[in-house]
Each structure stands twice: as C-alpha cells, then as structure tokens.
Amino acid sequence: MQNAKGTMTSSARSLPKFGKPERKDLYRNKMMPRQRTRLQKTHSIIVAALTSLSIVALFAAKPAVASAFVKTERTQFVLDGKPFYVTGVNNHYLSWGSDAEVTQVLDDAVAMGANVVRTFLGTAIGSPDGEVALTIWKFHNDGANSSALNVHGHYFLYWDPSAHGMAINASSMRKIDLLIAEAAKRRLRLILTFLDFWSFTGGSYQMSSWYDLPTHQGAPWDTTNPAFFTDARVMADYQRWVKFVVERINPLTEIAYRDDPTIFAWELMNEAHAPIGLRRQWEAQMAAYVKSLDRNHIVGAGDDYPIFDAPGIDFVTWHGYPKYLAITPDQFNNEITSKCRMAPLYQKPVVLEEFGYARSHPDQAKAYKMWLDTMAADSDCAGWLVWRLVSPQDDGQYPKDEVEQFDVHHDDGETWQVLSNAAHLGRKVADDVGRSR
C-alpha cells in the first residue's frame, strides 16, 4: 500500500588427477622414507586446497535457486504438493534502496520468520530532460531517505521524446536482479507487482499523463484512473513492460525471471482503482497475457478491494486498515472471517496482503495477535503479509513514519514478537492443513 494512507544441485566436478610416478623414476626411488612422507603431505595439502577451490567455484558459479514453483490447489497454496501458508512482509523501497538496505530488509524478514516478501516495480517518470513530458511526482527527492521515496535516480519507465513513446531503463533492473538473487540465498519467495496504481513514484498516473488522459480525483482514496484501463496506447505500454520483466534473464543467476521459482507470484497492479466491471475485464485480459508469457508462476491482481471471480486470477488479495475502514479492531477481525469464507465458494486462496494499525495505539500488538490467530485457526485463510517492514537506512537509523505509523522494525518489541511468533506458527498451520486434506 504505497499511498498517503500512506540445496543447490549440480554435477560433481572431477578433481585434477595426479599420475603416480612410475617405479623407474630414479629420483623417487632414491628418496629416503622421510622425504617421501614429506612429499606425500605436500601432495595432500595441494589436493585439499584444490578441492576447496573447486567447491568455492561451484557455489560461486551456481547461485542458490528455489527448487519448485508455488501453485494453488482449491483454497490453499502448495509447494511440492504440500500446503504453503503465507507469512510475509511488504516493503516499498526494495527496487531503489541501496544494496545494503535491500539485504537488511531481507535479513530482517528471515529473522521474523517470513517466507514471502512483496514489493512494487514500475517507477515511472516523464522525459529525462524534464521538459517534453513532465514528471508528476517528486523524482528528485535528495534530502530524504529511501523509505521516504528518495529513489536515488532509479526509474524503470520514461517517455522518450525521440521515439514519441514509452522507453524502458534497463539499467535499473539491476536492483531487481540483486533482490531475486539475495532472496533465493535466504530461501525467501517474492511477490513482484508490475506497477503501482498510485502516483507516489509515478505509477499508472505517470503513464496516463504521457497521453494527457483524464483521471478522476475524488476524496483521497476515492480516486480512479479509468482511462488507463481502456486506452490502447497505455495498455500496449503496460504489456510491453510486463513482457520485458517476465522474459528478462538475471545476469546474477543466469535464469530468466519466468523460470525462477524464487518469484512466488506476479501481481498486475498494486490497488488498481476503476469501476468494478472495467477492473474485472482488465485483470482477466492482463492475467491471460502474463500467462501467455509464463506458464510457471501464479498470478494475482494486487487488489485492495477484491474481485473474487476475475478470470485468470489465481489467488485473491485484500488490504485492510481499521483506520481507513472506520472500524474497530474487533470489527476488522470479523472482516477477516468474512473474506476467508469466500475462498471455498470461489475455490481460490484468500490472502490478507496488507494490514496495519498505528503503533500509537497501545493495543497494537494485541490487535495483531487477534487477527493473526484468527487466520491461523481458519483453514480457509491462506496467509498474510504485514504492511510494512522497514530496516535501518544507510545512515544506520530506522526511517520515521509519524503519519500512518504502520512501520514494523526488528526491535524485539511486543509487536515484532507477535508477528514473529505468528510467522513461525505458520509452518504448523501448513502442516495441519496438509493432514486435513
């Protein structure tokens, strides 16, 4: 929710073979036993050293890669035929943070016990010269840290005046290459969302602005961008971007994204807002397009307000914040039960993909425990991802969110312990579901 609401397998390598000197070797035959022993020891040391070097080279040449793709089976996710219960985190700056900031988030996710990390792609600007096509958001935000949307000059999509159309900045994909490779090392799975609906780093609004398309600006979250979902030019741009991402070969792993099981799922867009009929039509069309390029990965919509019957969408997501729903934590708990109850009706996993309750509430940890316990006890709930895990920035300090206060830190506080306990309990939940199948 990036808005103002804020083991490795490989063939064995043969070691260098040292031929034994023939008996007629006069030098060898003339050596004293002590000399022969010393030579044998030297020989053993060389063999051991070369063996170690071979092993190091083997691991360096073959980066860690997940072994199988996550699939869906009725109301659950499955991995290697066994239930996979999602216990995850969101982070919004993984596609532009420094390498150290990215790996710190992943390390903190592991420390929490998470198995899935979700982030957004698709940072978009106007023309790089800033004159032909304007950038509608604060692209140059040098005084801020990564969490506060300083993208450090990284962007994926831009308007190319010479081509009179969208262009892709392939150099920024290095960040995603690193993210995938580092997640694989930590046995984490990734939900990669192709584009953000919101304009905080460009998103659908920047892409629409290239063609001067109208948008509806209502109350903060009653905002829609219907032209994005109907204009042939924007839809072609979006599909071109999807194709570029899905077919990219990661130079760090030498694996195409579409062939990498580290990616848990593709998502079409974070929180697309459009009339429900139009949104269902667009999601069905784009899901079919993704699957025409990639037969391995499951596809989600990334919805905050879910459409359960969208064709081609493999799992249902929803995003929930008591503050913006104007309900109490207890009422939100009932909402969880209500949403999960839809899973068997539509035969799709249902995931609470974003949730948050401000840390200024003294009952934050209590509320999180209630919600997480409810999902763990309900076999129709397929998992959760908290909004949002943030880690120390390059200055060594945690970023401060004094507006929404949804940020989660690896600080061993009460809320962290609740999330960590629930994440580790998730393994037992998956086992229990498996025994009941």
Protein backbone atom coordinates (compact mmCIF):
# COMPACT_ATOMS: atom_id res chain seq x y z
CA MET A 1 0.00 0.00 0.00
CA GLN A 2 2.25 2.79 -1.19
CA ASN A 3 -0.02 5.68 -0.71
CA ALA A 4 -0.55 8.54 1.64
CA LYS A 5 -2.61 6.33 3.84
CA GLY A 6 0.28 6.21 3.48
CA THR A 7 20.14 -27.46 -1.95
CA MET A 8 21.68 -26.35 -4.67
CA THR A 9 22.07 -29.25 -7.12
CA SER A 10 24.96 -29.57 -9.53
CA SER A 11 27.02 -32.21 -11.21
CA ALA A 12 30.16 -33.19 -9.38
CA ARG A 13 33.34 -31.79 -10.78
CA SER A 14 36.30 -34.12 -11.09
CA LEU A 15 39.41 -33.02 -9.29
CA PRO A 16 42.74 -32.73 -11.11
CA LYS A 17 44.33 -36.13 -11.34
CA PHE A 18 47.90 -36.59 -10.26
CA GLY A 19 49.50 -39.55 -12.01
CA LYS A 20 51.64 -41.74 -9.81
CA PRO A 21 55.35 -41.66 -10.79
CA GLU A 22 56.49 -44.89 -12.33
CA ARG A 23 58.78 -47.17 -10.36
CA LYS A 24 61.57 -46.49 -12.81
CA ASP A 25 61.62 -42.87 -11.62
CA LEU A 26 65.17 -42.89 -10.19
CA TYR A 27 64.66 -39.72 -8.17
CA ARG A 28 61.64 -41.16 -6.42
CA ASN A 29 63.39 -44.47 -5.82
CA LYS A 30 66.40 -42.74 -4.35
CA MET A 31 64.37 -40.68 -1.88
CA MET A 32 64.54 -41.55 1.77
CA PRO A 33 61.27 -42.51 3.55
CA ARG A 34 61.17 -39.17 5.38
CA GLN A 35 61.44 -37.32 2.07
CA ARG A 36 58.67 -39.41 0.57
CA THR A 37 56.45 -38.73 3.59
CA ARG A 38 57.05 -35.01 3.28
CA LEU A 39 56.17 -35.11 -0.43
CA GLN A 40 53.01 -37.09 0.30
CA LYS A 41 51.94 -34.48 2.83
CA THR A 42 52.55 -31.72 0.31
CA HIS A 43 50.55 -33.66 -2.25
CA SER A 44 47.66 -34.00 0.23
CA ILE A 45 47.70 -30.29 1.00
CA ILE A 46 47.58 -29.43 -2.70
CA VAL A 47 44.69 -31.82 -3.30
CA ALA A 48 42.79 -30.42 -0.30
CA ALA A 49 43.37 -26.86 -1.46
CA LEU A 50 42.21 -27.61 -4.98
CA THR A 51 39.19 -29.42 -3.60
CA SER A 52 38.27 -26.38 -1.54
CA LEU A 53 38.75 -24.10 -4.52
CA SER A 54 36.56 -26.37 -6.64
CA ILE A 55 33.79 -26.24 -4.06
CA VAL A 56 34.02 -22.47 -3.75
CA ALA A 57 33.95 -22.11 -7.53
CA LEU A 58 30.99 -24.45 -7.75
CA PHE A 59 28.91 -22.39 -5.33
CA ALA A 60 30.01 -19.14 -6.92
CA ALA A 61 29.04 -20.37 -10.36
CA LYS A 62 25.69 -21.78 -9.26
CA PRO A 63 23.75 -19.23 -7.14
CA ALA A 64 21.04 -20.55 -4.84
CA VAL A 65 17.71 -21.05 -6.57
CA ALA A 66 14.40 -22.24 -5.15
CA SER A 67 13.57 -25.78 -6.21
CA ALA A 68 9.91 -25.60 -7.20
CA PHE A 69 7.14 -23.17 -8.09
CA VAL A 70 4.32 -22.31 -5.71
CA LYS A 71 0.93 -23.31 -7.11
CA THR A 72 -2.67 -23.14 -5.92
CA GLU A 73 -4.97 -26.01 -5.05
CA ARG A 74 -8.51 -25.06 -4.14
CA THR A 75 -8.25 -22.65 -1.19
CA GLN A 76 -4.55 -23.12 -0.43
CA PHE A 77 -1.12 -22.52 -1.87
CA VAL A 78 1.00 -25.63 -2.38
CA LEU A 79 4.71 -26.23 -2.81
CA ASP A 80 5.99 -29.65 -3.84
CA GLY A 81 2.50 -30.99 -3.19
CA LYS A 82 2.40 -29.68 0.40
CA PRO A 83 0.41 -26.72 1.79
CA PHE A 84 2.26 -23.41 1.86
CA TYR A 85 0.85 -20.89 4.33
CA VAL A 86 1.96 -17.33 3.57
CA THR A 87 3.55 -15.40 6.42
CA GLY A 88 5.02 -12.33 4.83
CA VAL A 89 6.01 -8.69 4.76
CA ASN A 90 5.67 -5.76 2.41
CA ASN A 91 8.45 -3.30 1.68
CA HIS A 92 8.12 -0.40 -0.75
CA TYR A 93 11.75 0.62 -1.43
CA LEU A 94 13.39 -2.64 -2.50
CA SER A 95 13.51 -1.54 -6.14
CA TRP A 96 15.61 1.57 -5.42
CA GLY A 97 17.24 1.19 -1.98
CA SER A 98 20.98 0.68 -1.68
CA ASP A 99 22.27 -2.89 -1.83
CA ALA A 100 22.87 -2.78 1.92
CA GLU A 101 19.34 -1.51 2.59
CA VAL A 102 17.83 -4.24 0.42
CA THR A 103 19.74 -7.08 2.04
CA GLN A 104 18.97 -5.71 5.51
CA VAL A 105 15.24 -5.91 4.80
CA LEU A 106 15.63 -9.48 3.60
CA ASP A 107 17.68 -10.38 6.68
CA ASP A 108 15.03 -8.88 8.93
CA ALA A 109 12.33 -10.80 7.09
CA VAL A 110 14.24 -14.00 7.76
CA ALA A 111 14.67 -13.03 11.41
CA MET A 112 10.91 -12.58 11.69
CA GLY A 113 10.28 -15.99 10.16
CA ALA A 114 8.63 -14.65 7.00
CA ASN A 115 8.52 -16.79 3.87
CA VAL A 116 7.28 -14.17 1.35
CA VAL A 117 8.30 -10.57 0.63
CA ARG A 118 6.20 -8.29 -1.57
CA THR A 119 7.32 -5.16 -3.41
CA PHE A 120 6.45 -2.98 -6.41
CA LEU A 121 8.16 -2.38 -9.75
CA GLY A 122 7.37 0.24 -12.34
CA THR A 123 8.78 3.53 -11.04
CA ALA A 124 7.97 5.89 -13.92
CA ILE A 125 8.92 9.46 -14.88
CA GLY A 126 8.28 11.88 -17.71
CA SER A 127 11.06 12.61 -20.17
CA PRO A 128 14.54 12.58 -18.58
CA ASP A 129 15.10 16.19 -19.64
CA GLY A 130 12.03 17.17 -17.64
CA GLU A 131 10.77 19.38 -20.46
CA VAL A 132 8.95 17.40 -23.14
CA ALA A 133 6.95 15.30 -20.67
CA LEU A 134 6.71 16.36 -17.05
CA THR A 135 7.29 14.04 -14.10
CA ILE A 136 4.19 14.37 -11.93
CA TRP A 137 5.83 13.34 -8.64
CA LYS A 138 8.90 14.40 -6.68
CA PHE A 139 11.51 12.38 -8.56
CA HIS A 140 14.42 14.44 -7.24
CA ASN A 141 13.98 13.98 -3.50
CA ASP A 142 17.59 14.17 -2.45
CA GLY A 143 17.03 15.26 1.13
CA ALA A 144 15.03 12.15 2.02
CA ASN A 145 15.99 8.55 2.67
CA SER A 146 14.94 5.54 0.61
CA SER A 147 11.87 4.86 2.73
CA ALA A 148 10.73 8.45 2.23
CA LEU A 149 10.77 7.91 -1.56
CA ASN A 150 14.23 9.09 -2.48
CA VAL A 151 14.67 6.72 -5.42
CA HIS A 152 18.30 7.81 -5.92
CA GLY A 153 17.79 8.39 -9.63
CA HIS A 154 16.38 4.92 -10.30
CA TYR A 155 13.41 4.58 -12.62
CA PHE A 156 12.15 1.85 -14.93
CA LEU A 157 9.82 3.63 -17.36
CA TYR A 158 10.05 7.02 -19.06
CA TRP A 159 8.82 8.99 -22.03
CA ASP A 160 11.28 9.02 -24.92
CA PRO A 161 10.75 12.21 -26.97
CA SER A 162 12.75 10.87 -29.92
CA ALA A 163 10.60 7.77 -30.19
CA HIS A 164 7.39 9.55 -29.16
CA GLY A 165 6.62 6.74 -26.77
CA MET A 166 7.47 4.83 -23.63
CA ALA A 167 11.00 3.55 -23.12
CA ILE A 168 12.45 1.17 -20.54
CA ASN A 169 15.52 2.00 -18.46
CA ALA A 170 17.07 -1.46 -18.33
CA SER A 171 19.94 -0.37 -16.08
CA SER A 172 17.62 -0.02 -13.08
CA MET A 173 16.69 -3.70 -13.36
CA ARG A 174 20.00 -4.45 -11.63
CA LYS A 175 18.17 -3.73 -8.40
CA ILE A 176 15.61 -6.42 -9.12
CA ASP A 177 18.30 -8.86 -10.27
CA LEU A 178 20.00 -8.40 -6.90
CA LEU A 179 16.74 -8.68 -4.98
CA ILE A 180 15.88 -12.01 -6.59
CA ALA A 181 19.37 -13.43 -6.15
CA GLU A 182 19.60 -12.37 -2.50
CA ALA A 183 16.08 -13.61 -1.70
CA ALA A 184 16.99 -17.01 -3.14
CA LYS A 185 20.02 -17.24 -0.85
CA ARG A 186 17.71 -16.73 2.11
CA ARG A 187 15.01 -19.13 0.89
CA LEU A 188 12.52 -16.28 0.63
CA ARG A 189 9.85 -16.01 -2.06
CA LEU A 190 8.89 -12.74 -3.76
CA ILE A 191 5.62 -11.28 -4.91
CA LEU A 192 6.59 -8.83 -7.65
CA THR A 193 3.92 -6.28 -8.57
CA PHE A 194 4.39 -4.87 -12.06
CA LEU A 195 3.05 -1.39 -11.34
CA ASP A 196 1.65 0.78 -8.56
CA PHE A 197 -1.69 2.41 -9.23
CA TRP A 198 -0.78 5.42 -7.12
CA SER A 199 1.35 8.32 -8.29
CA PHE A 200 3.85 8.42 -5.42
CA THR A 201 6.58 7.02 -7.69
CA GLY A 202 4.77 7.59 -10.98
CA GLY A 203 2.61 4.51 -11.35
CA SER A 204 -0.46 4.41 -13.54
CA TYR A 205 -0.91 8.18 -13.29
CA GLN A 206 2.50 8.93 -14.79
CA MET A 207 1.86 6.53 -17.66
CA SER A 208 -1.55 8.12 -18.28
CA SER A 209 -0.01 11.60 -18.22
CA TRP A 210 2.17 10.76 -21.22
CA TYR A 211 -1.01 10.81 -23.31
CA ASP A 212 -2.85 13.55 -21.37
CA LEU A 213 -5.51 11.09 -20.29
CA PRO A 214 -8.12 12.29 -17.79
CA THR A 215 -8.15 10.99 -14.23
CA HIS A 216 -10.76 11.27 -11.51
CA GLN A 217 -9.53 12.94 -8.34
CA GLY A 218 -12.08 12.50 -5.61
CA ALA A 219 -11.58 12.01 -1.90
CA PRO A 220 -8.08 10.67 -1.17
CA TRP A 221 -8.94 7.03 -1.73
CA ASP A 222 -11.97 7.57 -3.95
CA THR A 223 -9.58 8.20 -6.83
CA THR A 224 -9.82 6.32 -10.12
CA ASN A 225 -7.92 6.32 -13.36
CA PRO A 226 -10.34 4.57 -15.75
CA ALA A 227 -8.62 5.72 -18.95
CA PHE A 228 -5.52 3.72 -18.01
CA PHE A 229 -7.58 0.53 -18.24
CA THR A 230 -9.10 1.29 -21.64
CA ASP A 231 -6.65 3.39 -23.70
CA ALA A 232 -4.97 1.15 -26.29
CA ARG A 233 -1.66 3.04 -26.10
CA VAL A 234 -1.30 2.71 -22.34
CA MET A 235 -2.38 -0.93 -22.40
CA ALA A 236 0.27 -1.62 -25.05
CA ASP A 237 2.88 0.15 -22.90
CA TYR A 238 1.88 -1.89 -19.87
CA GLN A 239 2.11 -5.17 -21.80
CA ARG A 240 5.49 -4.21 -23.20
CA TRP A 241 6.74 -3.59 -19.67
CA VAL A 242 5.32 -6.92 -18.45
CA LYS A 243 6.97 -8.78 -21.31
CA PHE A 244 10.31 -7.10 -20.61
CA VAL A 245 10.20 -8.10 -16.93
CA VAL A 246 8.93 -11.65 -17.34
CA GLU A 247 11.42 -12.53 -20.08
CA ARG A 248 14.45 -10.85 -18.51
CA ILE A 249 17.43 -13.09 -17.81
CA ASN A 250 19.01 -12.32 -14.46
CA PRO A 251 22.77 -11.96 -15.03
CA LEU A 252 23.44 -12.89 -11.39
CA THR A 253 21.63 -16.24 -11.59
CA GLU A 254 21.58 -16.77 -15.37
CA ILE A 255 17.89 -17.64 -15.04
CA ALA A 256 15.01 -15.91 -16.79
CA TYR A 257 12.58 -14.37 -14.35
CA ARG A 258 9.78 -16.54 -15.70
CA ASP A 259 11.83 -19.66 -14.93
CA ASP A 260 12.84 -18.65 -11.40
CA PRO A 261 10.84 -20.26 -8.56
CA THR A 262 12.12 -17.60 -6.16
CA ILE A 263 9.30 -15.49 -7.53
CA PHE A 264 6.19 -16.58 -5.63
CA ALA A 265 3.78 -14.77 -7.93
CA TRP A 266 3.30 -11.92 -10.36
CA GLU A 267 0.80 -9.22 -9.48
CA LEU A 268 -0.80 -7.00 -12.08
CA MET A 269 -1.00 -3.77 -10.08
CA ASN A 270 -1.00 -2.53 -6.53
CA GLU A 271 -4.52 -1.40 -5.64
CA ALA A 272 -6.00 -0.74 -9.06
CA HIS A 273 -8.99 1.59 -8.78
CA ALA A 274 -11.56 1.59 -11.55
CA PRO A 275 -15.24 0.68 -11.88
CA ILE A 276 -15.53 -2.97 -10.89
CA GLY A 277 -16.70 -4.23 -14.29
CA LEU A 278 -13.84 -2.46 -16.06
CA ARG A 279 -11.33 -3.67 -13.50
CA ARG A 280 -12.52 -7.29 -13.83
CA GLN A 281 -12.21 -7.08 -17.62
CA TRP A 282 -8.71 -5.55 -17.47
CA GLU A 283 -7.49 -8.06 -14.87
CA ALA A 284 -8.75 -11.00 -16.93
CA GLN A 285 -7.09 -9.66 -20.10
CA MET A 286 -3.75 -8.91 -18.45
CA ALA A 287 -3.65 -12.13 -16.46
CA ALA A 288 -4.12 -14.04 -19.71
CA TYR A 289 -1.29 -12.02 -21.25
CA VAL A 290 1.10 -12.78 -18.38
CA LYS A 291 0.27 -16.48 -18.60
CA SER A 292 0.89 -16.46 -22.35
CA LEU A 293 4.48 -15.47 -21.49
CA ASP A 294 4.96 -17.52 -18.32
CA ARG A 295 3.40 -20.91 -17.64
CA ASN A 296 5.21 -21.35 -14.34
CA HIS A 297 4.03 -18.64 -11.98
CA ILE A 298 0.68 -17.93 -10.42
CA VAL A 299 -0.87 -14.50 -10.97
CA GLY A 300 -2.65 -12.21 -8.52
CA ALA A 301 -4.37 -8.90 -9.07
CA GLY A 302 -2.94 -6.94 -6.11
CA ASP A 303 -6.42 -5.67 -5.22
CA ASP A 304 -7.23 -3.84 -2.03
CA TYR A 305 -10.96 -4.33 -2.69
CA PRO A 306 -11.09 -7.88 -4.05
CA ILE A 307 -12.84 -9.27 -7.08
CA PHE A 308 -13.27 -12.95 -6.31
CA ASP A 309 -14.42 -14.11 -9.74
CA ALA A 310 -11.90 -12.40 -12.04
CA PRO A 311 -10.91 -14.98 -14.70
CA GLY A 312 -7.24 -15.92 -14.75
CA ILE A 313 -6.55 -14.58 -11.26
CA ASP A 314 -5.20 -17.49 -9.21
CA PHE A 315 -5.49 -16.04 -5.72
CA VAL A 316 -7.49 -13.25 -4.12
CA THR A 317 -5.91 -10.39 -2.19
CA TRP A 318 -7.38 -7.72 0.02
CA HIS A 319 -5.86 -4.87 2.02
CA GLY A 320 -7.27 -3.84 5.37
CA TYR A 321 -6.71 -0.96 7.75
CA PRO A 322 -9.24 -0.27 10.53
CA LYS A 323 -8.38 3.44 10.29
CA TYR A 324 -9.48 3.73 6.67
CA LEU A 325 -12.40 1.36 7.03
CA ALA A 326 -13.53 3.32 10.10
CA ILE A 327 -13.99 0.18 12.16
CA THR A 328 -12.61 -1.22 15.42
CA PRO A 329 -10.00 -3.98 15.69
CA ASP A 330 -12.77 -6.41 16.73
CA GLN A 331 -14.83 -5.48 13.69
CA PHE A 332 -11.79 -5.91 11.49
CA ASN A 333 -11.37 -9.39 12.94
CA ASN A 334 -14.89 -10.19 11.75
CA GLU A 335 -13.94 -8.84 8.33
CA ILE A 336 -11.10 -11.36 8.17
CA THR A 337 -13.51 -14.23 8.77
CA SER A 338 -15.91 -12.85 6.20
CA LYS A 339 -13.26 -12.58 3.48
CA CYS A 340 -11.78 -16.03 4.13
CA ARG A 341 -15.27 -17.52 3.98
CA MET A 342 -15.34 -16.62 0.29
CA ALA A 343 -12.37 -18.90 -0.51
CA PRO A 344 -14.30 -22.21 -0.79
CA LEU A 345 -17.06 -20.50 -2.77
CA TYR A 346 -14.64 -19.39 -5.48
CA GLN A 347 -12.02 -22.12 -4.95
CA LYS A 348 -9.19 -19.64 -4.64
CA PRO A 349 -6.76 -18.85 -1.81
CA VAL A 350 -7.58 -15.61 0.01
CA VAL A 351 -4.69 -13.58 1.42
CA LEU A 352 -4.74 -10.52 3.68
CA GLU A 353 -1.95 -8.93 1.67
CA GLU A 354 -1.67 -5.66 3.59
CA PHE A 355 -2.77 -4.69 7.08
CA GLY A 356 -1.72 -2.11 9.62
CA TYR A 357 -2.71 -0.49 12.89
CA ALA A 358 -0.77 2.51 14.15
CA ARG A 359 1.88 1.94 16.79
CA SER A 360 0.45 4.88 18.74
CA HIS A 361 -2.41 2.58 19.70
CA PRO A 362 -1.47 0.87 22.97
CA ASP A 363 -3.33 -2.24 21.82
CA GLN A 364 -1.46 -2.61 18.51
CA ALA A 365 0.25 -5.88 19.46
CA LYS A 366 -2.98 -7.22 20.96
CA ALA A 367 -4.90 -6.41 17.77
CA TYR A 368 -2.25 -8.04 15.54
CA LYS A 369 -2.27 -11.18 17.69
CA MET A 370 -6.06 -11.43 17.47
CA TRP A 371 -6.05 -11.08 13.69
CA LEU A 372 -3.16 -13.47 13.12
CA ASP A 373 -4.65 -16.06 15.48
CA THR A 374 -7.97 -15.82 13.63
CA MET A 375 -6.29 -16.53 10.31
CA ALA A 376 -4.17 -19.35 11.71
CA ALA A 377 -7.28 -21.07 13.10
CA ASP A 378 -9.29 -20.74 9.87
CA SER A 379 -8.37 -23.31 7.21
CA ASP A 380 -9.97 -21.08 4.57
CA CYS A 381 -7.39 -18.33 5.18
CA ALA A 382 -4.24 -18.77 3.06
CA GLY A 383 -1.98 -16.30 4.86
CA TRP A 384 -0.98 -12.71 5.46
CA LEU A 385 1.61 -10.01 4.75
CA VAL A 386 2.04 -7.10 7.14
CA TRP A 387 2.44 -3.51 5.96
CA ARG A 388 5.29 -2.74 6.25
CA LEU A 389 8.72 -3.98 7.30
CA VAL A 390 11.39 -1.29 7.20
CA SER A 391 15.03 -1.58 8.25
CA PRO A 392 17.83 0.84 9.09
CA GLN A 393 18.78 3.12 6.22
CA ASP A 394 22.35 3.77 5.12
CA ASP A 395 22.72 6.29 7.94
CA GLY A 396 22.12 3.48 10.44
CA GLN A 397 18.77 4.88 11.59
CA TYR A 398 15.28 3.48 11.19
CA PRO A 399 13.10 5.64 8.92
CA LYS A 400 10.42 7.52 10.82
CA ASP A 401 6.78 7.34 9.77
CA GLU A 402 4.91 9.72 12.01
CA VAL A 403 1.79 9.81 9.80
CA GLU A 404 0.41 6.28 9.48
CA GLN A 405 2.79 4.64 11.95
CA PHE A 406 2.36 1.21 10.38
CA ASP A 407 6.10 0.56 10.12
CA VAL A 408 7.42 -2.63 11.66
CA HIS A 409 11.00 -2.79 12.97
CA HIS A 410 13.23 -5.68 14.02
CA ASP A 411 13.40 -4.24 17.51
CA ASP A 412 12.26 -7.29 19.52
CA GLY A 413 9.35 -5.23 20.80
CA GLU A 414 5.93 -6.66 21.58
CA THR A 415 4.54 -6.20 18.06
CA TRP A 416 7.65 -7.74 16.50
CA GLN A 417 7.34 -10.75 18.80
CA VAL A 418 3.67 -11.20 17.89
CA LEU A 419 4.49 -11.19 14.17
CA SER A 420 7.49 -13.47 14.63
CA ASN A 421 5.51 -15.97 16.69
CA ALA A 422 2.74 -15.99 14.09
CA ALA A 423 5.22 -16.43 11.24
CA HIS A 424 6.80 -19.45 12.91
CA LEU A 425 3.34 -20.81 13.74
CA GLY A 426 2.58 -20.61 10.03
CA ARG A 427 4.66 -23.73 9.41
CA LYS A 428 2.46 -25.68 11.82
CA VAL A 429 -0.64 -24.23 10.15
CA ALA A 430 0.55 -25.59 6.81
CA ASP A 431 1.24 -28.99 8.38
CA ASP A 432 -2.23 -29.08 9.95
CA VAL A 433 -3.86 -28.19 6.64
CA GLY A 434 -1.85 -30.92 4.94
CA ARG A 435 -3.04 -33.56 7.40
CA SER A 436 -6.66 -32.49 6.91
CA ARG A 437 -6.57 -32.75 3.09
